[in-house]
């Protein structure tokens, strides 16, 4: 099974809120996921990305691919808060 780490969109219109999840690559964006490993709130100014570092590293070691959108977010380390 090919696993991808990506964003799932939640929230109302013009008030987005994203979960960072590990899911099967063949599933839809908002389909069933394997595990939630963090959240991203673009409406906050600082520390708007919260990730459980141990689970993120676990999935990376298992060969999970990081989606393009999530990889762009992770290039800004000052906005990330690890738990």
Protein backbone atom coordinates (compact mmCIF):
# COMPACT_ATOMS: atom_id res chain seq x y z
CA UNK A 1 0.00 0.00 0.00
CA UNK A 2 1.41 3.39 -1.02
CA UNK A 3 0.96 5.95 1.75
CA UNK A 4 0.91 9.71 1.25
CA UNK A 5 1.16 12.47 3.84
CA UNK A 6 -1.18 15.23 2.74
CA UNK A 7 -3.75 17.86 3.76
CA UNK A 8 -7.49 17.28 4.23
CA UNK A 9 -9.66 20.39 4.03
CA UNK A 10 -12.27 21.18 6.68
CA UNK A 11 -14.05 24.33 7.79
CA UNK A 12 -16.61 26.65 6.29
CA UNK A 13 -16.33 28.63 3.13
CA UNK A 14 -13.56 31.26 3.45
CA UNK A 15 -12.54 29.74 6.81
CA UNK A 16 -10.32 26.80 5.85
CA UNK A 17 -8.82 24.40 8.36
CA UNK A 18 -6.65 21.44 7.37
CA UNK A 19 -5.68 18.14 8.96
CA UNK A 20 -2.33 16.60 8.12
CA UNK A 21 -3.02 12.91 7.57
CA UNK A 22 -1.47 9.69 6.36
CA UNK A 23 -3.69 8.00 3.79
CA UNK A 24 -3.63 5.52 0.96
CA UNK A 25 -2.48 7.22 -2.23
CA UNK A 26 -5.50 5.92 -4.17
CA UNK A 27 -8.06 7.55 -1.84
CA UNK A 28 -9.74 10.90 -2.44
CA UNK A 29 -8.57 14.06 -0.69
CA UNK A 30 -11.35 13.89 1.89
CA UNK A 31 -11.66 10.10 1.99
CA UNK A 32 -10.91 7.72 4.85
CA UNK A 33 -7.43 8.14 6.31
CA UNK A 34 -5.09 5.92 8.28
CA UNK A 35 -3.88 8.37 10.91
CA UNK A 36 -4.09 12.09 11.72
CA UNK A 37 -0.64 13.46 12.49
CA UNK A 38 -1.23 17.19 12.70
CA UNK A 39 -3.26 20.29 11.86
CA UNK A 40 -2.76 23.44 9.77
CA UNK A 41 -4.73 26.63 10.34
CA UNK A 42 -3.85 29.24 7.67
CA UNK A 43 -5.83 31.95 9.49
CA UNK A 44 -3.36 32.11 12.39
CA UNK A 45 -0.30 34.35 12.14
CA UNK A 46 2.39 32.30 13.96
CA UNK A 47 2.78 28.60 14.72
CA UNK A 48 -0.09 27.68 12.43
CA UNK A 49 1.23 24.15 11.72
CA UNK A 50 1.18 21.58 14.54
CA UNK A 51 2.71 18.16 13.85
CA UNK A 52 3.32 15.09 16.04
CA UNK A 53 6.97 14.68 15.10
CA UNK A 54 7.31 11.00 16.12
CA UNK A 55 4.41 9.92 13.90
CA UNK A 56 5.59 12.09 11.00
CA UNK A 57 9.05 10.50 11.16
CA UNK A 58 7.48 7.03 11.52
CA UNK A 59 5.58 7.39 8.26
CA UNK A 60 8.57 8.91 6.46
CA UNK A 61 10.70 5.91 7.50
CA UNK A 62 8.00 3.56 6.20
CA UNK A 63 8.33 5.18 2.76
CA UNK A 64 5.37 7.57 2.80
CA UNK A 65 5.48 10.31 0.17
CA UNK A 66 4.85 13.92 1.21
CA UNK A 67 2.38 15.74 -1.03
CA UNK A 68 3.44 18.84 -2.93
CA UNK A 69 1.27 21.18 -0.86
CA UNK A 70 2.48 19.82 2.47
CA UNK A 71 6.11 19.93 1.38
CA UNK A 72 5.71 23.64 0.54
CA UNK A 73 4.29 24.29 4.01
CA UNK A 74 7.15 22.45 5.71
CA UNK A 75 9.73 24.76 4.10
CA UNK A 76 8.75 27.49 6.63
CA UNK A 77 10.11 26.09 9.93
CA UNK A 78 9.19 29.17 12.00
CA UNK A 79 5.49 28.33 11.54
CA UNK A 80 5.79 24.70 12.70
CA UNK A 81 5.16 23.56 16.27
CA UNK A 82 6.17 19.97 17.05
CA UNK A 83 4.35 18.02 19.74
